[in-house]
Amino acid sequence: MSYIFLDESGDLGFDFRKKRTSKFFIITFLFAQNKRPIEKIVKKIHSALKKKHKQKGGVLHCFHEKPITRKRLLKQLAQKEIKILAIYLNKSKVYTKLQNQKDVLYNYVTNILLDRICSKKLIDFTKEINLVASRKETNKFLNLNFKNYLKDQIKNNHNLDIEVDIKTPFEEKSLQAVDFISWSIFRKYEYNDLSYYEIFKNLVFEENSLFK
């Protein structure tokens, strides 16, 4: 089985008058042939935390963790056979039409990443392919639309069948790992902070801007 784990950082708000509206939005793919080493890292980091610092539900979330925990997890990931691919959006450059259709924009950007993975044959297509996205949207219709859109695009453009799942980080521990990576890439662009990104930069196969 070939695995692709998806997470994003930043937000898709476009009212820049609001303090919490980010300038950038990042979608990140982490892909691997074996997810067990990733899961073991997440479990190990979590179990090492003192009980009073553990997140409820047994989930690590990079934004809430201390720098030492972030760096420990990223350093361990950097030693594994994984690849990272990301797209970053300077939101001020996004077409107005897409600003008003956030679900369409999200699906479109995700498909671009998936298309690049397929075109450059970055994963083993002789195995089943499972894309697992971190669940952000509770609307069942939008989730179903996301899954069907990606499956149809890959089938039509590359004649490949993929399994698309939407899970919580609790359900799929590898999503916690890609959360740390996506957050680190976001810090690079939003705050010009490369301190976390430098840890795993050699694993980044491709990192491109959209809507330059």
N, C-alpha and C. Protein backbone atom coordinates (compact mmCIF):
# COMPACT_ATOMS: atom_id res chain seq x y z
N MET A 1 0.84 -1.19 0.00
CA MET A 1 0.00 0.00 0.00
C MET A 1 0.88 1.25 0.00
N SER A 2 0.58 2.19 -0.88
CA SER A 2 1.25 3.49 -0.89
C SER A 2 0.34 4.50 -0.20
N TYR A 3 0.91 5.27 0.72
CA TYR A 3 0.11 6.20 1.51
C TYR A 3 0.45 7.65 1.20
N ILE A 4 -0.59 8.47 1.14
CA ILE A 4 -0.43 9.91 1.02
C ILE A 4 -1.26 10.55 2.13
N PHE A 5 -0.60 11.33 2.98
CA PHE A 5 -1.30 11.99 4.08
C PHE A 5 -1.34 13.49 3.80
N LEU A 6 -2.51 14.09 4.00
CA LEU A 6 -2.74 15.48 3.61
C LEU A 6 -3.16 16.30 4.82
N ASP A 7 -2.56 17.48 4.92
CA ASP A 7 -3.00 18.45 5.93
C ASP A 7 -2.72 19.84 5.38
N GLU A 8 -3.32 20.83 6.03
CA GLU A 8 -3.10 22.21 5.59
C GLU A 8 -2.84 23.12 6.78
N SER A 9 -2.26 24.27 6.50
CA SER A 9 -2.02 25.27 7.54
C SER A 9 -2.38 26.64 7.00
N GLY A 10 -2.72 27.53 7.92
CA GLY A 10 -3.26 28.82 7.51
C GLY A 10 -4.76 28.70 7.39
N ASP A 11 -5.39 29.69 6.81
CA ASP A 11 -6.84 29.66 6.64
C ASP A 11 -7.19 30.16 5.25
N LEU A 12 -8.44 29.95 4.88
CA LEU A 12 -8.91 30.40 3.57
C LEU A 12 -9.82 31.62 3.70
N GLY A 13 -9.57 32.40 4.74
CA GLY A 13 -10.27 33.68 4.87
C GLY A 13 -9.56 34.73 4.01
N PHE A 14 -10.31 35.65 3.46
CA PHE A 14 -9.71 36.67 2.58
C PHE A 14 -10.00 38.10 3.06
N ASP A 15 -10.50 38.23 4.26
CA ASP A 15 -10.71 39.55 4.84
C ASP A 15 -9.47 39.90 5.65
N PHE A 16 -8.51 40.56 5.00
CA PHE A 16 -7.22 40.83 5.63
C PHE A 16 -7.28 41.94 6.68
N ARG A 17 -8.45 42.50 6.87
CA ARG A 17 -8.61 43.48 7.95
C ARG A 17 -8.68 42.77 9.30
N LYS A 18 -9.01 41.49 9.27
CA LYS A 18 -9.07 40.71 10.51
C LYS A 18 -7.67 40.26 10.90
N LYS A 19 -7.33 40.41 12.17
CA LYS A 19 -5.99 40.11 12.65
C LYS A 19 -5.60 38.65 12.46
N ARG A 20 -6.55 37.75 12.58
CA ARG A 20 -6.22 36.33 12.53
C ARG A 20 -6.21 35.76 11.11
N THR A 21 -6.51 36.57 10.12
CA THR A 21 -6.48 36.09 8.74
C THR A 21 -5.04 35.94 8.29
N SER A 22 -4.64 34.76 7.86
CA SER A 22 -3.26 34.52 7.43
C SER A 22 -3.01 35.07 6.04
N LYS A 23 -1.76 35.37 5.77
CA LYS A 23 -1.37 35.85 4.44
C LYS A 23 -1.18 34.68 3.48
N PHE A 24 -0.83 33.52 4.03
CA PHE A 24 -0.54 32.34 3.22
C PHE A 24 -1.43 31.17 3.63
N PHE A 25 -1.62 30.26 2.69
CA PHE A 25 -2.32 29.01 2.95
C PHE A 25 -1.49 27.90 2.35
N ILE A 26 -1.26 26.85 3.12
CA ILE A 26 -0.38 25.75 2.72
C ILE A 26 -1.15 24.44 2.67
N ILE A 27 -0.97 23.67 1.61
CA ILE A 27 -1.44 22.29 1.57
C ILE A 27 -0.22 21.40 1.41
N THR A 28 -0.12 20.42 2.28
CA THR A 28 1.07 19.56 2.34
C THR A 28 0.70 18.09 2.18
N PHE A 29 1.49 17.39 1.38
CA PHE A 29 1.39 15.93 1.24
C PHE A 29 2.62 15.30 1.87
N LEU A 30 2.41 14.28 2.66
CA LEU A 30 3.49 13.42 3.12
C LEU A 30 3.19 12.04 2.55
N PHE A 31 4.14 11.47 1.81
CA PHE A 31 3.85 10.15 1.25
C PHE A 31 4.95 9.16 1.57
N ALA A 32 4.49 7.91 1.77
CA ALA A 32 5.39 6.84 2.20
C ALA A 32 4.82 5.50 1.76
N GLN A 33 5.70 4.52 1.66
CA GLN A 33 5.28 3.17 1.31
C GLN A 33 4.82 2.41 2.55
N ASN A 34 5.26 2.85 3.70
CA ASN A 34 4.92 2.17 4.95
C ASN A 34 4.61 3.23 6.00
N LYS A 35 3.44 3.19 6.57
CA LYS A 35 3.06 4.21 7.55
C LYS A 35 3.43 3.83 8.99
N ARG A 36 3.80 2.59 9.21
CA ARG A 36 4.09 2.14 10.57
C ARG A 36 5.22 2.93 11.24
N PRO A 37 6.34 3.23 10.55
CA PRO A 37 7.38 4.02 11.21
C PRO A 37 6.89 5.41 11.63
N ILE A 38 6.00 5.99 10.84
CA ILE A 38 5.46 7.31 11.17
C ILE A 38 4.57 7.22 12.41
N GLU A 39 3.74 6.21 12.44
CA GLU A 39 2.85 6.01 13.60
C GLU A 39 3.66 5.78 14.88
N LYS A 40 4.74 5.04 14.77
CA LYS A 40 5.56 4.75 15.94
C LYS A 40 6.20 6.02 16.50
N ILE A 41 6.60 6.92 15.61
CA ILE A 41 7.18 8.19 16.06
C ILE A 41 6.15 9.00 16.84
N VAL A 42 4.96 9.10 16.30
CA VAL A 42 3.90 9.86 16.96
C VAL A 42 3.60 9.27 18.33
N LYS A 43 3.45 7.95 18.40
CA LYS A 43 3.16 7.30 19.67
C LYS A 43 4.29 7.50 20.67
N LYS A 44 5.52 7.41 20.20
CA LYS A 44 6.69 7.55 21.08
C LYS A 44 6.77 8.96 21.65
N ILE A 45 6.56 9.96 20.81
CA ILE A 45 6.62 11.35 21.27
C ILE A 45 5.51 11.61 22.28
N HIS A 46 4.33 11.13 21.96
CA HIS A 46 3.20 11.36 22.85
C HIS A 46 3.39 10.69 24.21
N SER A 47 3.87 9.46 24.21
CA SER A 47 4.06 8.72 25.46
C SER A 47 5.16 9.33 26.31
N ALA A 48 6.09 10.05 25.68
CA ALA A 48 7.21 10.66 26.41
C ALA A 48 6.81 11.94 27.14
N LEU A 49 5.68 12.51 26.74
CA LEU A 49 5.24 13.74 27.39
C LEU A 49 4.73 13.43 28.79
N LYS A 50 4.94 14.36 29.68
CA LYS A 50 4.39 14.20 31.02
C LYS A 50 2.88 14.21 30.95
N LYS A 51 2.27 13.48 31.84
CA LYS A 51 0.81 13.33 31.81
C LYS A 51 0.09 14.67 31.80
N LYS A 52 0.55 15.62 32.53
CA LYS A 52 -0.16 16.90 32.61
C LYS A 52 -0.05 17.71 31.33
N HIS A 53 0.89 17.33 30.46
CA HIS A 53 1.08 18.05 29.20
C HIS A 53 0.45 17.34 28.02
N LYS A 54 -0.06 16.13 28.25
CA LYS A 54 -0.64 15.37 27.14
C LYS A 54 -1.93 16.00 26.68
N GLN A 55 -2.11 15.99 25.34
CA GLN A 55 -3.34 16.54 24.78
C GLN A 55 -4.50 15.59 25.02
N LYS A 56 -5.67 16.12 25.22
CA LYS A 56 -6.85 15.30 25.40
C LYS A 56 -7.09 14.46 24.14
N GLY A 57 -7.46 13.21 24.38
CA GLY A 57 -7.75 12.33 23.25
C GLY A 57 -6.52 11.71 22.63
N GLY A 58 -5.34 11.94 23.23
CA GLY A 58 -4.13 11.32 22.71
C GLY A 58 -3.66 11.86 21.38
N VAL A 59 -3.91 13.15 21.11
CA VAL A 59 -3.55 13.74 19.83
C VAL A 59 -2.54 14.86 20.01
N LEU A 60 -1.45 14.80 19.24
CA LEU A 60 -0.47 15.88 19.21
C LEU A 60 -0.91 16.89 18.16
N HIS A 61 -0.85 18.15 18.51
CA HIS A 61 -1.14 19.22 17.55
C HIS A 61 0.00 20.22 17.61
N CYS A 62 0.70 20.39 16.52
CA CYS A 62 1.94 21.16 16.50
C CYS A 62 1.77 22.56 17.10
N PHE A 63 0.69 23.23 16.79
CA PHE A 63 0.46 24.59 17.26
C PHE A 63 0.49 24.68 18.79
N HIS A 64 0.03 23.64 19.44
CA HIS A 64 -0.09 23.65 20.90
C HIS A 64 1.13 23.09 21.62
N GLU A 65 2.04 22.47 20.88
CA GLU A 65 3.17 21.82 21.53
C GLU A 65 4.32 22.78 21.80
N LYS A 66 5.20 22.38 22.70
CA LYS A 66 6.38 23.17 23.01
C LYS A 66 7.43 22.98 21.91
N PRO A 67 8.31 23.96 21.72
CA PRO A 67 9.35 23.84 20.68
C PRO A 67 10.17 22.56 20.77
N ILE A 68 10.50 22.13 21.98
CA ILE A 68 11.31 20.92 22.12
C ILE A 68 10.57 19.69 21.61
N THR A 69 9.26 19.64 21.80
CA THR A 69 8.46 18.52 21.30
C THR A 69 8.37 18.57 19.79
N ARG A 70 8.16 19.75 19.24
CA ARG A 70 8.09 19.91 17.78
C ARG A 70 9.38 19.42 17.13
N LYS A 71 10.50 19.89 17.66
CA LYS A 71 11.79 19.55 17.05
C LYS A 71 12.13 18.08 17.22
N ARG A 72 11.74 17.51 18.33
CA ARG A 72 12.01 16.09 18.55
C ARG A 72 11.27 15.23 17.53
N LEU A 73 10.01 15.55 17.31
CA LEU A 73 9.23 14.78 16.34
C LEU A 73 9.76 14.98 14.92
N LEU A 74 10.06 16.21 14.56
CA LEU A 74 10.54 16.50 13.21
C LEU A 74 11.89 15.85 12.93
N LYS A 75 12.76 15.83 13.93
CA LYS A 75 14.08 15.20 13.75
C LYS A 75 13.94 13.70 13.52
N GLN A 76 13.00 13.09 14.19
CA GLN A 76 12.80 11.65 13.99
C GLN A 76 12.17 11.37 12.63
N LEU A 77 11.25 12.21 12.21
CA LEU A 77 10.67 12.06 10.87
C LEU A 77 11.72 12.23 9.78
N ALA A 78 12.65 13.12 10.01
CA ALA A 78 13.68 13.43 9.00
C ALA A 78 14.57 12.23 8.70
N GLN A 79 14.54 11.22 9.57
CA GLN A 79 15.37 10.03 9.37
C GLN A 79 14.62 8.90 8.65
N LYS A 80 13.36 9.13 8.33
CA LYS A 80 12.56 8.08 7.72
C LYS A 80 12.48 8.24 6.20
N GLU A 81 12.08 7.17 5.54
CA GLU A 81 11.95 7.18 4.08
C GLU A 81 10.57 7.72 3.69
N ILE A 82 10.48 9.03 3.72
CA ILE A 82 9.25 9.71 3.35
C ILE A 82 9.59 10.85 2.40
N LYS A 83 8.59 11.34 1.71
CA LYS A 83 8.76 12.51 0.83
C LYS A 83 7.67 13.52 1.14
N ILE A 84 8.00 14.76 0.88
CA ILE A 84 7.08 15.85 1.18
C ILE A 84 6.89 16.71 -0.07
N LEU A 85 5.66 17.06 -0.32
CA LEU A 85 5.34 17.92 -1.44
C LEU A 85 4.33 18.94 -0.95
N ALA A 86 4.53 20.22 -1.30
CA ALA A 86 3.65 21.26 -0.78
C ALA A 86 3.38 22.34 -1.82
N ILE A 87 2.23 22.94 -1.68
CA ILE A 87 1.87 24.13 -2.46
C ILE A 87 1.51 25.23 -1.46
N TYR A 88 2.06 26.43 -1.71
CA TYR A 88 1.70 27.55 -0.85
C TYR A 88 1.03 28.64 -1.67
N LEU A 89 -0.01 29.19 -1.09
CA LEU A 89 -0.77 30.25 -1.76
C LEU A 89 -0.51 31.58 -1.06
N ASN A 90 -0.05 32.54 -1.82
CA ASN A 90 -0.09 33.92 -1.34
C ASN A 90 -1.52 34.38 -1.60
N LYS A 91 -2.32 34.44 -0.56
CA LYS A 91 -3.75 34.62 -0.72
C LYS A 91 -4.14 35.93 -1.40
N SER A 92 -3.26 36.91 -1.34
CA SER A 92 -3.56 38.18 -2.00
C SER A 92 -3.55 38.05 -3.52
N LYS A 93 -2.97 36.93 -4.01
CA LYS A 93 -2.87 36.71 -5.46
C LYS A 93 -3.99 35.81 -6.00
N VAL A 94 -4.78 35.23 -5.11
CA VAL A 94 -5.82 34.29 -5.54
C VAL A 94 -6.94 35.04 -6.26
N TYR A 95 -7.39 34.46 -7.38
CA TYR A 95 -8.45 35.09 -8.16
C TYR A 95 -9.69 35.32 -7.30
N THR A 96 -10.32 36.45 -7.52
CA THR A 96 -11.50 36.81 -6.72
C THR A 96 -12.59 35.75 -6.81
N LYS A 97 -12.77 35.17 -7.99
CA LYS A 97 -13.79 34.14 -8.16
C LYS A 97 -13.56 32.96 -7.23
N LEU A 98 -12.30 32.55 -7.11
CA LEU A 98 -11.99 31.41 -6.25
C LEU A 98 -12.04 31.78 -4.76
N GLN A 99 -11.82 33.04 -4.46
CA GLN A 99 -11.93 33.48 -3.06
C GLN A 99 -13.34 33.23 -2.53
N ASN A 100 -14.30 33.32 -3.41
CA ASN A 100 -15.70 33.15 -3.02
C ASN A 100 -16.18 31.71 -3.12
N GLN A 101 -15.29 30.80 -3.54
CA GLN A 101 -15.63 29.38 -3.65
C GLN A 101 -14.52 28.56 -2.98
N LYS A 102 -14.47 28.62 -1.67
CA LYS A 102 -13.36 28.05 -0.93
C LYS A 102 -13.24 26.53 -1.09
N ASP A 103 -14.38 25.85 -1.16
CA ASP A 103 -14.32 24.40 -1.32
C ASP A 103 -13.78 24.04 -2.69
N VAL A 104 -14.13 24.82 -3.71
CA VAL A 104 -13.61 24.60 -5.06
C VAL A 104 -12.11 24.85 -5.09
N LEU A 105 -11.67 25.91 -4.44
CA LEU A 105 -10.25 26.26 -4.38
C LEU A 105 -9.46 25.14 -3.69
N TYR A 106 -9.97 24.66 -2.58
CA TYR A 106 -9.28 23.60 -1.83
C TYR A 106 -9.16 22.33 -2.67
N ASN A 107 -10.24 21.94 -3.32
CA ASN A 107 -10.21 20.74 -4.17
C ASN A 107 -9.25 20.91 -5.33
N TYR A 108 -9.25 22.09 -5.92
CA TYR A 108 -8.39 22.38 -7.07
C TYR A 108 -6.91 22.28 -6.71
N VAL A 109 -6.53 22.88 -5.59
CA VAL A 109 -5.13 22.87 -5.17
C VAL A 109 -4.69 21.45 -4.79
N THR A 110 -5.54 20.74 -4.09
CA THR A 110 -5.22 19.37 -3.71
C THR A 110 -5.01 18.50 -4.94
N ASN A 111 -5.85 18.68 -5.94
CA ASN A 111 -5.71 17.89 -7.16
C ASN A 111 -4.41 18.20 -7.90
N ILE A 112 -3.96 19.44 -7.86
CA ILE A 112 -2.68 19.80 -8.49
C ILE A 112 -1.54 19.00 -7.85
N LEU A 113 -1.54 18.93 -6.52
CA LEU A 113 -0.51 18.16 -5.83
C LEU A 113 -0.57 16.68 -6.19
N LEU A 114 -1.77 16.15 -6.19
CA LEU A 114 -1.94 14.74 -6.52
C LEU A 114 -1.53 14.44 -7.95
N ASP A 115 -1.83 15.36 -8.85
CA ASP A 115 -1.45 15.20 -10.25
C ASP A 115 0.07 15.18 -10.41
N ARG A 116 0.77 15.99 -9.64
CA ARG A 116 2.23 16.02 -9.72
C ARG A 116 2.84 14.72 -9.20
N ILE A 117 2.27 14.19 -8.16
CA ILE A 117 2.75 12.92 -7.64
C ILE A 117 2.61 11.82 -8.69
N CYS A 118 1.47 11.82 -9.36
CA CYS A 118 1.22 10.80 -10.37
C CYS A 118 2.09 11.01 -11.61
N SER A 119 2.20 12.25 -12.06
CA SER A 119 2.97 12.55 -13.26
C SER A 119 4.45 12.22 -13.08
N LYS A 120 4.98 12.46 -11.89
CA LYS A 120 6.40 12.23 -11.64
C LYS A 120 6.66 10.86 -11.01
N LYS A 121 5.57 10.08 -10.86
CA LYS A 121 5.68 8.70 -10.35
C LYS A 121 6.47 8.65 -9.05
N LEU A 122 6.03 9.45 -8.10
CA LEU A 122 6.73 9.54 -6.82
C LEU A 122 6.36 8.43 -5.86
N ILE A 123 5.33 7.66 -6.19
CA ILE A 123 4.93 6.54 -5.36
C ILE A 123 4.82 5.28 -6.23
N ASP A 124 4.75 4.16 -5.58
CA ASP A 124 4.70 2.87 -6.29
C ASP A 124 3.27 2.60 -6.74
N PHE A 125 3.02 2.74 -8.04
CA PHE A 125 1.68 2.57 -8.58
C PHE A 125 1.30 1.10 -8.78
N THR A 126 2.23 0.21 -8.47
CA THR A 126 1.87 -1.21 -8.55
C THR A 126 1.11 -1.63 -7.29
N LYS A 127 1.15 -0.77 -6.27
CA LYS A 127 0.43 -1.03 -5.03
C LYS A 127 -0.84 -0.19 -4.98
N GLU A 128 -1.72 -0.54 -4.08
CA GLU A 128 -2.91 0.28 -3.87
C GLU A 128 -2.49 1.62 -3.28
N ILE A 129 -3.21 2.67 -3.66
CA ILE A 129 -2.88 4.02 -3.21
C ILE A 129 -4.00 4.51 -2.29
N ASN A 130 -3.61 4.93 -1.11
CA ASN A 130 -4.58 5.43 -0.14
C ASN A 130 -4.22 6.86 0.25
N LEU A 131 -5.06 7.81 -0.13
CA LEU A 131 -4.88 9.20 0.30
C LEU A 131 -5.77 9.44 1.51
N VAL A 132 -5.16 9.91 2.59
CA VAL A 132 -5.90 10.19 3.82
C VAL A 132 -5.79 11.67 4.14
N ALA A 133 -6.92 12.35 4.14
CA ALA A 133 -6.97 13.78 4.41
C ALA A 133 -7.45 14.01 5.84
N SER A 134 -6.88 15.02 6.48
CA SER A 134 -7.33 15.37 7.82
C SER A 134 -8.69 16.05 7.74
N ARG A 135 -9.63 15.57 8.52
CA ARG A 135 -10.99 16.09 8.42
C ARG A 135 -11.10 17.47 9.05
N LYS A 136 -11.40 18.46 8.20
CA LYS A 136 -11.63 19.82 8.67
C LYS A 136 -13.09 20.21 8.47
N GLU A 137 -13.69 19.62 7.45
CA GLU A 137 -15.06 19.98 7.08
C GLU A 137 -16.04 18.94 7.63
N THR A 138 -17.05 19.40 8.37
CA THR A 138 -18.04 18.48 8.95
C THR A 138 -19.22 18.25 8.01
N ASN A 139 -19.30 19.05 6.95
CA ASN A 139 -20.39 18.90 5.99
C ASN A 139 -20.16 17.63 5.16
N LYS A 140 -21.05 16.66 5.30
CA LYS A 140 -20.89 15.38 4.62
C LYS A 140 -20.91 15.53 3.10
N PHE A 141 -21.73 16.46 2.60
CA PHE A 141 -21.79 16.67 1.15
C PHE A 141 -20.46 17.17 0.61
N LEU A 142 -19.84 18.13 1.29
CA LEU A 142 -18.56 18.66 0.84
C LEU A 142 -17.46 17.61 0.93
N ASN A 143 -17.51 16.79 1.96
CA ASN A 143 -16.52 15.71 2.09
C ASN A 143 -16.66 14.70 0.96
N LEU A 144 -17.89 14.34 0.65
CA LEU A 144 -18.14 13.40 -0.44
C LEU A 144 -17.72 13.99 -1.78
N ASN A 145 -17.98 15.26 -1.97
CA ASN A 145 -17.59 15.94 -3.20
C ASN A 145 -16.07 15.96 -3.35
N PHE A 146 -15.36 16.20 -2.25
CA PHE A 146 -13.91 16.20 -2.25
C PHE A 146 -13.37 14.83 -2.66
N LYS A 147 -13.90 13.79 -2.06
CA LYS A 147 -13.44 12.42 -2.36
C LYS A 147 -13.71 12.05 -3.80
N ASN A 148 -14.91 12.29 -4.26
CA ASN A 148 -15.28 11.92 -5.63
C ASN A 148 -14.51 12.72 -6.67
N TYR A 149 -14.30 13.99 -6.39
CA TYR A 149 -13.56 14.85 -7.32
C TYR A 149 -12.14 14.34 -7.54
N LEU A 150 -11.45 14.03 -6.46
CA LEU A 150 -10.08 13.55 -6.57
C LEU A 150 -10.01 12.20 -7.28
N LYS A 151 -10.89 11.30 -6.90
CA LYS A 151 -10.89 9.98 -7.51
C LYS A 151 -11.18 10.06 -9.01
N ASP A 152 -12.13 10.90 -9.39
CA ASP A 152 -12.47 11.05 -10.81
C ASP A 152 -11.33 11.69 -11.60
N GLN A 153 -10.69 12.70 -11.02
CA GLN A 153 -9.60 13.38 -11.71
C GLN A 153 -8.43 12.44 -11.98
N ILE A 154 -8.07 11.65 -10.98
CA ILE A 154 -6.94 10.74 -11.14
C ILE A 154 -7.28 9.61 -12.10
N LYS A 155 -8.50 9.16 -12.04
CA LYS A 155 -8.93 8.11 -12.96
C LYS A 155 -8.92 8.62 -14.39
N ASN A 156 -9.44 9.81 -14.62
CA ASN A 156 -9.53 10.37 -15.97
C ASN A 156 -8.18 10.79 -16.53
N ASN A 157 -7.32 11.33 -15.68
CA ASN A 157 -6.03 11.87 -16.15
C ASN A 157 -4.89 10.87 -16.14
N HIS A 158 -4.96 9.87 -15.26
CA HIS A 158 -3.84 8.94 -15.12
C HIS A 158 -4.27 7.47 -15.14
N ASN A 159 -5.55 7.25 -15.27
CA ASN A 159 -6.10 5.88 -15.30
C ASN A 159 -5.67 5.09 -14.07
N LEU A 160 -5.75 5.76 -12.93
CA LEU A 160 -5.39 5.12 -11.66
C LEU A 160 -6.59 5.14 -10.72
N ASP A 161 -6.72 4.10 -9.95
CA ASP A 161 -7.75 4.05 -8.93
C ASP A 161 -7.10 4.31 -7.57
N ILE A 162 -7.61 5.28 -6.85
CA ILE A 162 -7.09 5.55 -5.52
C ILE A 162 -8.22 5.52 -4.51
N GLU A 163 -7.86 5.20 -3.29
CA GLU A 163 -8.81 5.24 -2.20
C GLU A 163 -8.61 6.56 -1.45
N VAL A 164 -9.68 7.31 -1.26
CA VAL A 164 -9.61 8.59 -0.56
C VAL A 164 -10.41 8.48 0.73
N ASP A 165 -9.75 8.74 1.85
CA ASP A 165 -10.41 8.70 3.14
C ASP A 165 -10.26 10.05 3.83
N ILE A 166 -11.25 10.41 4.60
CA ILE A 166 -11.19 11.61 5.43
C ILE A 166 -11.31 11.17 6.88
N LYS A 167 -10.26 11.39 7.66
CA LYS A 167 -10.22 10.91 9.03
C LYS A 167 -9.73 12.01 9.98
N THR A 168 -9.95 11.79 11.24
CA THR A 168 -9.43 12.70 12.25
C THR A 168 -8.01 12.28 12.60
N PRO A 169 -7.19 13.18 13.14
CA PRO A 169 -5.84 12.80 13.58
C PRO A 169 -5.84 11.72 14.66
N PHE A 170 -6.92 11.62 15.40
CA PHE A 170 -7.03 10.54 16.39
C PHE A 170 -7.19 9.19 15.70
N GLU A 171 -7.98 9.18 14.64
CA GLU A 171 -8.22 7.94 13.90
C GLU A 171 -6.99 7.50 13.11
N GLU A 172 -6.25 8.47 12.56
CA GLU A 172 -5.08 8.17 11.73
C GLU A 172 -3.90 8.97 12.27
N LYS A 173 -3.03 8.29 13.02
CA LYS A 173 -1.95 8.98 13.73
C LYS A 173 -0.94 9.64 12.80
N SER A 174 -0.79 9.13 11.59
CA SER A 174 0.16 9.74 10.65
C SER A 174 -0.26 11.16 10.26
N LEU A 175 -1.53 11.48 10.41
CA LEU A 175 -1.98 12.84 10.15
C LEU A 175 -1.39 13.82 11.16
N GLN A 176 -1.07 13.34 12.34
CA GLN A 176 -0.43 14.21 13.33
C GLN A 176 0.98 14.59 12.88
N ALA A 177 1.64 13.67 12.19
CA ALA A 177 2.99 13.95 11.69
C ALA A 177 2.96 14.99 10.57
N VAL A 178 2.04 14.85 9.62
CA VAL A 178 1.98 15.81 8.53
C VAL A 178 1.50 17.17 9.03
N ASP A 179 0.77 17.20 10.14
CA ASP A 179 0.40 18.47 10.77
C ASP A 179 1.64 19.24 11.21
N PHE A 180 2.61 18.56 11.78
CA PHE A 180 3.85 19.20 12.21
C PHE A 180 4.61 19.75 11.01
N ILE A 181 4.64 18.98 9.94
CA ILE A 181 5.36 19.41 8.75
C ILE A 181 4.67 20.61 8.09
N SER A 182 3.37 20.53 7.95
CA SER A 182 2.63 21.61 7.31
C SER A 182 2.73 22.91 8.12
N TRP A 183 2.64 22.79 9.43
CA TRP A 183 2.78 23.95 10.31
C TRP A 183 4.15 24.59 10.14
N SER A 184 5.18 23.76 10.02
CA SER A 184 6.55 24.27 9.87
C SER A 184 6.73 25.00 8.54
N ILE A 185 6.15 24.47 7.48
CA ILE A 185 6.23 25.14 6.18
C ILE A 185 5.46 26.46 6.22
N PHE A 186 4.33 26.45 6.90
CA PHE A 186 3.55 27.69 7.07
C PHE A 186 4.37 28.75 7.80
N ARG A 187 5.08 28.35 8.85
CA ARG A 187 5.92 29.30 9.59
C ARG A 187 6.98 29.93 8.68
N LYS A 188 7.48 29.15 7.76
CA LYS A 188 8.51 29.64 6.84
C LYS A 188 7.99 30.83 6.04
N TYR A 189 6.78 30.73 5.52
CA TYR A 189 6.24 31.78 4.66
C TYR A 189 5.52 32.88 5.42
N GLU A 190 4.78 32.51 6.42
CA GLU A 190 3.99 33.50 7.14
C GLU A 190 4.84 34.39 8.05
N TYR A 191 5.89 33.80 8.65
CA TYR A 191 6.68 34.53 9.65
C TYR A 191 8.18 34.55 9.35
N ASN A 192 8.56 34.01 8.19
CA ASN A 192 9.97 33.94 7.81
C ASN A 192 10.79 33.21 8.88
N ASP A 193 10.19 32.18 9.45
CA ASP A 193 10.81 31.36 10.48
C ASP A 193 11.16 30.00 9.88
N LEU A 194 12.44 29.76 9.66
CA LEU A 194 12.89 28.51 9.05
C LEU A 194 13.44 27.52 10.07
N SER A 195 13.33 27.82 11.34
CA SER A 195 13.97 27.00 12.36
C SER A 195 13.45 25.56 12.39
N TYR A 196 12.19 25.37 12.08
CA TYR A 196 11.63 24.02 12.05
C TYR A 196 11.79 23.39 10.66
N TYR A 197 11.58 24.20 9.65
CA TYR A 197 11.67 23.72 8.26
C TYR A 197 13.05 23.14 7.96
N GLU A 198 14.09 23.77 8.49
CA GLU A 198 15.46 23.32 8.22
C GLU A 198 15.69 21.87 8.67
N ILE A 199 14.93 21.40 9.63
CA ILE A 199 15.13 20.06 10.16
C ILE A 199 14.84 18.98 9.12
N PHE A 200 13.83 19.23 8.29
CA PHE A 200 13.40 18.18 7.35
C PHE A 200 13.46 18.62 5.89
N LYS A 201 14.10 19.72 5.59
CA LYS A 201 14.07 20.27 4.23
C LYS A 201 14.59 19.31 3.17
N ASN A 202 15.48 18.40 3.55
CA ASN A 202 16.00 17.44 2.56
C ASN A 202 14.96 16.43 2.11
N LEU A 203 13.85 16.34 2.84
CA LEU A 203 12.78 15.43 2.46
C LEU A 203 11.77 16.09 1.52
N VAL A 204 11.91 17.40 1.34
CA VAL A 204 10.95 18.14 0.51
C VAL A 204 11.30 17.92 -0.96
N PHE A 205 10.47 17.16 -1.66
CA PHE A 205 10.71 16.87 -3.05
C PHE A 205 10.34 18.06 -3.94
N GLU A 206 9.23 18.69 -3.59
CA GLU A 206 8.77 19.82 -4.39
C GLU A 206 7.97 20.77 -3.51
N GLU A 207 8.14 22.07 -3.77
CA GLU A 207 7.48 23.10 -2.98
C GLU A 207 7.26 24.31 -3.90
N ASN A 208 6.02 24.49 -4.31
CA ASN A 208 5.75 25.51 -5.32
C ASN A 208 4.66 26.48 -4.89
N SER A 209 4.71 27.64 -5.52
CA SER A 209 3.69 28.66 -5.29
C SER A 209 2.61 28.55 -6.36
N LEU A 210 1.40 28.89 -5.98
CA LEU A 210 0.30 28.95 -6.93
C LEU A 210 -0.25 30.38 -6.92
N PHE A 211 -0.66 30.86 -8.09
CA PHE A 211 -1.16 32.23 -8.23
C PHE A 211 -0.07 33.24 -7.88
N LYS A 212 1.04 33.16 -8.57
CA LYS A 212 2.15 34.08 -8.31
C LYS A 212 1.78 35.51 -8.68
